[in-house]
Amino acid sequence: YTKTDMKYLVGGSFWNIFSQIIVSTSTLLLSIAFAHFISKEAYGEYKYILSIAGILSAFALSGLGAAINKSVNQGYEGTLNDIFWKNIKWSVFFMLIALGLSIYYFVNGNASLGIAMLVVGSFSPFLNSTNLYNAFLEAKKDFRRSAIYFGIIGNLFPAICLFIGVILTSKPIWLVVIYFASNTLIGLILYIRVLNIYKPNK
């Protein structure tokens, strides 16, 4: 009647909406925790570091998720693992720029930002690579796992770690370490989980 695969449409939409509700709620609660436990100055420095990390991401490879999606749809499942390692390999430019910024801040007497840039440069390539598993799940039309793994678990675990972090410390550098370490750790766990479930061909 609708000339559309309604089961496909409704199934994908349900899990996406459910995931968004959970993520939005956790983000709101985390924002309240930040406002309650740390100063405006510390929060400003924390967001400043994340903003720099976002700008530096422009120097990373783009379109990898789309490439995995297209390849997996054509039966080339091994593209996921191949692109995972290629992305880390080509992230050397990202790391060098982060290292350059780190040296700049150290020279100018800002050790906190200097260390933060080292953290960003060390974790970001692995964080970006591990999250590629979501493109694989989308290509497999596994919307349930995509929402639960990438949407819910992938956001809730770092949010919980940060919530504990803001209770224990108000230093921006430690919050940055917690942010990148928790996101990278859960991304790697879920990446391995997807590989074990689907066992992609080569």
C-alpha atoms as a PDB file:
ATOM      1  CA  TYR A   1       0.000   0.000   0.000  1.00  0.00           C
ATOM      2  CA  THR A   2       2.752   2.481   0.883  1.00  0.00           C
ATOM      3  CA  LYS A   3       5.145   1.030  -1.713  1.00  0.00           C
ATOM      4  CA  THR A   4       7.759   1.056   1.046  1.00  0.00           C
ATOM      5  CA  ASP A   5       9.307  -1.636   3.181  1.00  0.00           C
ATOM      6  CA  MET A   6       7.475  -0.524   6.332  1.00  0.00           C
ATOM      7  CA  LYS A   7       9.091  -3.158   8.565  1.00  0.00           C
ATOM      8  CA  TYR A   8      12.534  -1.875   7.522  1.00  0.00           C
ATOM      9  CA  LEU A   9      11.509   1.772   7.949  1.00  0.00           C
ATOM     10  CA  VAL A  10       9.744   1.425  11.303  1.00  0.00           C
ATOM     11  CA  GLY A  11      12.400  -0.901  12.739  1.00  0.00           C
ATOM     12  CA  GLY A  12      15.228   1.466  11.881  1.00  0.00           C
ATOM     13  CA  SER A  13      13.339   4.552  13.071  1.00  0.00           C
ATOM     14  CA  PHE A  14      12.324   2.996  16.395  1.00  0.00           C
ATOM     15  CA  TRP A  15      15.853   2.076  17.418  1.00  0.00           C
ATOM     16  CA  ASN A  16      17.205   5.434  16.237  1.00  0.00           C
ATOM     17  CA  ILE A  17      14.601   7.392  18.241  1.00  0.00           C
ATOM     18  CA  PHE A  18      15.104   5.182  21.312  1.00  0.00           C
ATOM     19  CA  SER A  19      18.861   5.733  21.120  1.00  0.00           C
ATOM     20  CA  GLN A  20      18.442   9.516  20.758  1.00  0.00           C
ATOM     21  CA  ILE A  21      16.228   9.690  23.854  1.00  0.00           C
ATOM     22  CA  ILE A  22      18.791   7.822  25.971  1.00  0.00           C
ATOM     23  CA  VAL A  23      21.705   9.905  24.655  1.00  0.00           C
ATOM     24  CA  SER A  24      19.876  13.226  25.123  1.00  0.00           C
ATOM     25  CA  THR A  25      18.930  12.323  28.682  1.00  0.00           C
ATOM     26  CA  SER A  26      22.478  11.271  29.613  1.00  0.00           C
ATOM     27  CA  THR A  27      23.883  14.443  28.010  1.00  0.00           C
ATOM     28  CA  LEU A  28      21.497  16.603  30.040  1.00  0.00           C
ATOM     29  CA  LEU A  29      22.385  14.858  33.306  1.00  0.00           C
ATOM     30  CA  LEU A  30      26.104  15.138  32.533  1.00  0.00           C
ATOM     31  CA  SER A  31      25.718  18.874  31.846  1.00  0.00           C
ATOM     32  CA  ILE A  32      24.032  19.312  35.224  1.00  0.00           C
ATOM     33  CA  ALA A  33      26.918  17.429  36.876  1.00  0.00           C
ATOM     34  CA  PHE A  34      29.480  19.687  35.167  1.00  0.00           C
ATOM     35  CA  ALA A  35      27.594  22.800  36.280  1.00  0.00           C
ATOM     36  CA  HIS A  36      27.362  21.555  39.861  1.00  0.00           C
ATOM     37  CA  PHE A  37      30.833  20.130  40.465  1.00  0.00           C
ATOM     38  CA  ILE A  38      33.349  22.154  38.413  1.00  0.00           C
ATOM     39  CA  SER A  39      34.007  25.858  37.854  1.00  0.00           C
ATOM     40  CA  LYS A  40      33.150  27.772  34.695  1.00  0.00           C
ATOM     41  CA  GLU A  41      36.854  28.261  34.012  1.00  0.00           C
ATOM     42  CA  ALA A  42      37.611  24.534  34.214  1.00  0.00           C
ATOM     43  CA  TYR A  43      34.627  23.674  32.035  1.00  0.00           C
ATOM     44  CA  GLY A  44      35.662  26.343  29.523  1.00  0.00           C
ATOM     45  CA  GLU A  45      39.170  24.880  29.247  1.00  0.00           C
ATOM     46  CA  TYR A  46      37.725  21.368  28.878  1.00  0.00           C
ATOM     47  CA  LYS A  47      35.424  22.471  26.036  1.00  0.00           C
ATOM     48  CA  TYR A  48      38.272  24.461  24.469  1.00  0.00           C
ATOM     49  CA  ILE A  49      40.418  21.321  24.268  1.00  0.00           C
ATOM     50  CA  LEU A  50      37.564  19.307  22.734  1.00  0.00           C
ATOM     51  CA  SER A  51      37.020  22.119  20.208  1.00  0.00           C
ATOM     52  CA  ILE A  52      40.675  21.973  19.152  1.00  0.00           C
ATOM     53  CA  ALA A  53      40.347  18.186  18.789  1.00  0.00           C
ATOM     54  CA  GLY A  54      37.322  18.760  16.559  1.00  0.00           C
ATOM     55  CA  ILE A  55      39.244  21.230  14.384  1.00  0.00           C
ATOM     56  CA  LEU A  56      42.199  18.836  14.112  1.00  0.00           C
ATOM     57  CA  SER A  57      39.816  16.125  12.877  1.00  0.00           C
ATOM     58  CA  ALA A  58      39.715  18.056   9.591  1.00  0.00           C
ATOM     59  CA  PHE A  59      43.205  16.645   8.955  1.00  0.00           C
ATOM     60  CA  ALA A  60      41.989  13.047   9.375  1.00  0.00           C
ATOM     61  CA  LEU A  61      40.682  10.890   6.533  1.00  0.00           C
ATOM     62  CA  SER A  62      37.014  11.525   5.744  1.00  0.00           C
ATOM     63  CA  GLY A  63      34.339   9.427   4.064  1.00  0.00           C
ATOM     64  CA  LEU A  64      35.574   6.158   5.554  1.00  0.00           C
ATOM     65  CA  GLY A  65      32.150   5.222   6.921  1.00  0.00           C
ATOM     66  CA  ALA A  66      30.567   5.668   3.496  1.00  0.00           C
ATOM     67  CA  ALA A  67      33.319   3.563   1.909  1.00  0.00           C
ATOM     68  CA  ILE A  68      32.742   0.736   4.390  1.00  0.00           C
ATOM     69  CA  ASN A  69      28.976   0.929   3.915  1.00  0.00           C
ATOM     70  CA  LYS A  70      29.255   0.659   0.140  1.00  0.00           C
ATOM     71  CA  SER A  71      31.884  -2.106   0.187  1.00  0.00           C
ATOM     72  CA  VAL A  72      30.064  -4.253   2.751  1.00  0.00           C
ATOM     73  CA  ASN A  73      26.845  -3.952   0.747  1.00  0.00           C
ATOM     74  CA  GLN A  74      28.781  -5.372  -2.199  1.00  0.00           C
ATOM     75  CA  GLY A  75      30.016  -8.301  -0.099  1.00  0.00           C
ATOM     76  CA  TYR A  76      33.500  -6.998   0.720  1.00  0.00           C
ATOM     77  CA  GLU A  77      33.190  -7.264   4.501  1.00  0.00           C
ATOM     78  CA  GLY A  78      36.961  -7.265   5.050  1.00  0.00           C
ATOM     79  CA  THR A  79      36.997  -3.580   4.136  1.00  0.00           C
ATOM     80  CA  LEU A  80      36.182  -2.812   7.774  1.00  0.00           C
ATOM     81  CA  ASN A  81      39.427  -4.235   9.129  1.00  0.00           C
ATOM     82  CA  ASP A  82      41.448  -2.906   6.187  1.00  0.00           C
ATOM     83  CA  ILE A  83      40.217   0.664   6.637  1.00  0.00           C
ATOM     84  CA  PHE A  84      40.654   0.409  10.422  1.00  0.00           C
ATOM     85  CA  TRP A  85      44.419   0.004  10.015  1.00  0.00           C
ATOM     86  CA  LYS A  86      44.708   2.396   7.072  1.00  0.00           C
ATOM     87  CA  ASN A  87      43.043   5.142   9.104  1.00  0.00           C
ATOM     88  CA  ILE A  88      45.527   4.668  11.953  1.00  0.00           C
ATOM     89  CA  LYS A  89      48.397   4.684   9.457  1.00  0.00           C
ATOM     90  CA  TRP A  90      47.300   7.922   7.803  1.00  0.00           C
ATOM     91  CA  SER A  91      46.571   9.590  11.149  1.00  0.00           C
ATOM     92  CA  VAL A  92      50.286  10.353  11.449  1.00  0.00           C
ATOM     93  CA  PHE A  93      49.564  13.875  10.110  1.00  0.00           C
ATOM     94  CA  PHE A  94      46.950  14.383  12.820  1.00  0.00           C
ATOM     95  CA  MET A  95      49.414  13.198  15.466  1.00  0.00           C
ATOM     96  CA  LEU A  96      52.194  15.487  14.195  1.00  0.00           C
ATOM     97  CA  ILE A  97      49.937  18.552  14.277  1.00  0.00           C
ATOM     98  CA  ALA A  98      48.779  17.680  17.797  1.00  0.00           C
ATOM     99  CA  LEU A  99      52.438  17.223  18.808  1.00  0.00           C
ATOM    100  CA  GLY A 100      53.281  20.614  17.314  1.00  0.00           C
ATOM    101  CA  LEU A 101      50.503  22.277  19.309  1.00  0.00           C
ATOM    102  CA  SER A 102      51.659  20.455  22.433  1.00  0.00           C
ATOM    103  CA  ILE A 103      55.217  21.792  22.028  1.00  0.00           C
ATOM    104  CA  TYR A 104      53.823  25.290  21.416  1.00  0.00           C
ATOM    105  CA  TYR A 105      51.843  25.248  24.660  1.00  0.00           C
ATOM    106  CA  PHE A 106      54.753  23.801  26.657  1.00  0.00           C
ATOM    107  CA  VAL A 107      57.106  26.493  25.306  1.00  0.00           C
ATOM    108  CA  ASN A 108      54.596  29.170  26.293  1.00  0.00           C
ATOM    109  CA  GLY A 109      54.333  27.810  29.839  1.00  0.00           C
ATOM    110  CA  ASN A 110      50.934  26.126  29.590  1.00  0.00           C
ATOM    111  CA  ALA A 111      51.712  22.562  30.635  1.00  0.00           C
ATOM    112  CA  SER A 112      48.030  21.661  31.056  1.00  0.00           C
ATOM    113  CA  LEU A 113      47.160  22.356  27.412  1.00  0.00           C
ATOM    114  CA  GLY A 114      50.475  20.852  26.325  1.00  0.00           C
ATOM    115  CA  ILE A 115      49.618  17.541  27.982  1.00  0.00           C
ATOM    116  CA  ALA A 116      46.045  17.765  26.686  1.00  0.00           C
ATOM    117  CA  MET A 117      47.274  17.978  23.080  1.00  0.00           C
ATOM    118  CA  LEU A 118      49.420  14.881  23.625  1.00  0.00           C
ATOM    119  CA  VAL A 119      46.321  13.062  24.879  1.00  0.00           C
ATOM    120  CA  VAL A 120      44.276  14.216  21.884  1.00  0.00           C
ATOM    121  CA  GLY A 121      46.988  13.172  19.440  1.00  0.00           C
ATOM    122  CA  SER A 122      47.448   9.775  21.064  1.00  0.00           C
ATOM    123  CA  PHE A 123      43.820   8.686  21.410  1.00  0.00           C
ATOM    124  CA  SER A 124      41.928  10.306  18.511  1.00  0.00           C
ATOM    125  CA  PRO A 125      43.251   8.085  15.671  1.00  0.00           C
ATOM    126  CA  PHE A 126      42.243   4.928  17.553  1.00  0.00           C
ATOM    127  CA  LEU A 127      38.924   6.437  18.626  1.00  0.00           C
ATOM    128  CA  ASN A 128      38.039   7.336  15.038  1.00  0.00           C
ATOM    129  CA  SER A 129      39.040   3.882  13.775  1.00  0.00           C
ATOM    130  CA  THR A 130      37.155   1.837  16.362  1.00  0.00           C
ATOM    131  CA  ASN A 131      33.904   3.732  15.717  1.00  0.00           C
ATOM    132  CA  LEU A 132      33.915   2.532  12.101  1.00  0.00           C
ATOM    133  CA  TYR A 133      32.103  -0.610  13.253  1.00  0.00           C
ATOM    134  CA  ASN A 134      28.865   1.401  13.155  1.00  0.00           C
ATOM    135  CA  ALA A 135      29.118   1.832   9.372  1.00  0.00           C
ATOM    136  CA  PHE A 136      29.461  -1.952   9.128  1.00  0.00           C
ATOM    137  CA  LEU A 137      26.319  -2.492  11.231  1.00  0.00           C
ATOM    138  CA  GLU A 138      24.377   0.008   9.135  1.00  0.00           C
ATOM    139  CA  ALA A 139      25.460  -1.761   5.949  1.00  0.00           C
ATOM    140  CA  LYS A 140      24.208  -5.007   7.477  1.00  0.00           C
ATOM    141  CA  LYS A 141      20.946  -3.207   8.343  1.00  0.00           C
ATOM    142  CA  ASP A 142      21.457  -4.240  11.945  1.00  0.00           C
ATOM    143  CA  PHE A 143      19.766  -1.129  13.331  1.00  0.00           C
ATOM    144  CA  ARG A 144      19.160  -2.672  16.730  1.00  0.00           C
ATOM    145  CA  ARG A 145      22.850  -3.322  17.405  1.00  0.00           C
ATOM    146  CA  SER A 146      23.797   0.014  15.850  1.00  0.00           C
ATOM    147  CA  ALA A 147      21.490   1.840  18.264  1.00  0.00           C
ATOM    148  CA  ILE A 148      22.437  -0.238  21.303  1.00  0.00           C
ATOM    149  CA  TYR A 149      26.194  -0.399  20.649  1.00  0.00           C
ATOM    150  CA  PHE A 150      27.059   2.899  18.956  1.00  0.00           C
ATOM    151  CA  GLY A 151      24.173   4.999  20.211  1.00  0.00           C
ATOM    152  CA  ILE A 152      23.490   3.845  23.757  1.00  0.00           C
ATOM    153  CA  ILE A 153      26.499   1.938  25.131  1.00  0.00           C
ATOM    154  CA  GLY A 154      28.981   4.029  23.143  1.00  0.00           C
ATOM    155  CA  ASN A 155      27.615   7.195  24.774  1.00  0.00           C
ATOM    156  CA  LEU A 156      26.508   5.975  28.194  1.00  0.00           C
ATOM    157  CA  PHE A 157      29.846   4.429  29.184  1.00  0.00           C
ATOM    158  CA  PRO A 158      31.883   7.641  28.611  1.00  0.00           C
ATOM    159  CA  ALA A 159      29.099   9.708  30.227  1.00  0.00           C
ATOM    160  CA  ILE A 160      29.195   7.562  33.367  1.00  0.00           C
ATOM    161  CA  CYS A 161      33.004   7.741  33.457  1.00  0.00           C
ATOM    162  CA  LEU A 162      32.881  11.543  33.116  1.00  0.00           C
ATOM    163  CA  PHE A 163      30.191  11.794  35.781  1.00  0.00           C
ATOM    164  CA  ILE A 164      32.452   9.907  38.198  1.00  0.00           C
ATOM    165  CA  GLY A 165      35.365  12.036  36.995  1.00  0.00           C
ATOM    166  CA  VAL A 166      33.740  15.406  37.762  1.00  0.00           C
ATOM    167  CA  ILE A 167      32.942  14.158  41.274  1.00  0.00           C
ATOM    168  CA  LEU A 168      36.556  13.131  41.900  1.00  0.00           C
ATOM    169  CA  THR A 169      38.420  15.969  40.174  1.00  0.00           C
ATOM    170  CA  SER A 170      37.855  19.436  38.749  1.00  0.00           C
ATOM    171  CA  LYS A 171      41.053  19.535  36.699  1.00  0.00           C
ATOM    172  CA  PRO A 172      40.304  19.830  32.936  1.00  0.00           C
ATOM    173  CA  ILE A 173      43.292  17.702  31.923  1.00  0.00           C
ATOM    174  CA  TRP A 174      41.988  14.687  33.839  1.00  0.00           C
ATOM    175  CA  LEU A 175      38.515  15.157  32.363  1.00  0.00           C
ATOM    176  CA  VAL A 176      40.055  15.181  28.874  1.00  0.00           C
ATOM    177  CA  VAL A 177      41.970  11.978  29.648  1.00  0.00           C
ATOM    178  CA  ILE A 178      38.763  10.340  30.929  1.00  0.00           C
ATOM    179  CA  TYR A 179      36.816  11.495  27.860  1.00  0.00           C
ATOM    180  CA  PHE A 180      39.241  10.121  25.275  1.00  0.00           C
ATOM    181  CA  ALA A 181      40.265   7.002  27.209  1.00  0.00           C
ATOM    182  CA  SER A 182      36.665   5.926  27.944  1.00  0.00           C
ATOM    183  CA  ASN A 183      35.472   6.585  24.378  1.00  0.00           C
ATOM    184  CA  THR A 184      38.433   4.722  22.884  1.00  0.00           C
ATOM    185  CA  LEU A 185      38.092   1.779  25.289  1.00  0.00           C
ATOM    186  CA  ILE A 186      34.372   1.214  24.698  1.00  0.00           C
ATOM    187  CA  GLY A 187      34.855   1.740  20.951  1.00  0.00           C
ATOM    188  CA  LEU A 188      37.547  -0.952  20.853  1.00  0.00           C
ATOM    189  CA  ILE A 189      35.428  -3.375  22.915  1.00  0.00           C
ATOM    190  CA  LEU A 190      32.400  -2.909  20.638  1.00  0.00           C
ATOM    191  CA  TYR A 191      34.549  -3.105  17.491  1.00  0.00           C
ATOM    192  CA  ILE A 192      35.922  -6.489  18.607  1.00  0.00           C
ATOM    193  CA  ARG A 193      32.397  -7.559  19.581  1.00  0.00           C
ATOM    194  CA  VAL A 194      31.096  -6.830  16.074  1.00  0.00           C
ATOM    195  CA  LEU A 195      34.002  -8.731  14.513  1.00  0.00           C
ATOM    196  CA  ASN A 196      33.268 -11.748  16.717  1.00  0.00           C
ATOM    197  CA  ILE A 197      29.541 -11.686  15.878  1.00  0.00           C
ATOM    198  CA  TYR A 198      29.823 -11.274  12.103  1.00  0.00           C
ATOM    199  CA  LYS A 199      33.283 -12.745  11.415  1.00  0.00           C
ATOM    200  CA  PRO A 200      33.773 -10.635   8.248  1.00  0.00           C
ATOM    201  CA  ASN A 201      35.209 -12.353   5.206  1.00  0.00           C
ATOM    202  CA  LYS A 202      38.565 -11.256   3.810  1.00  0.00           C
END
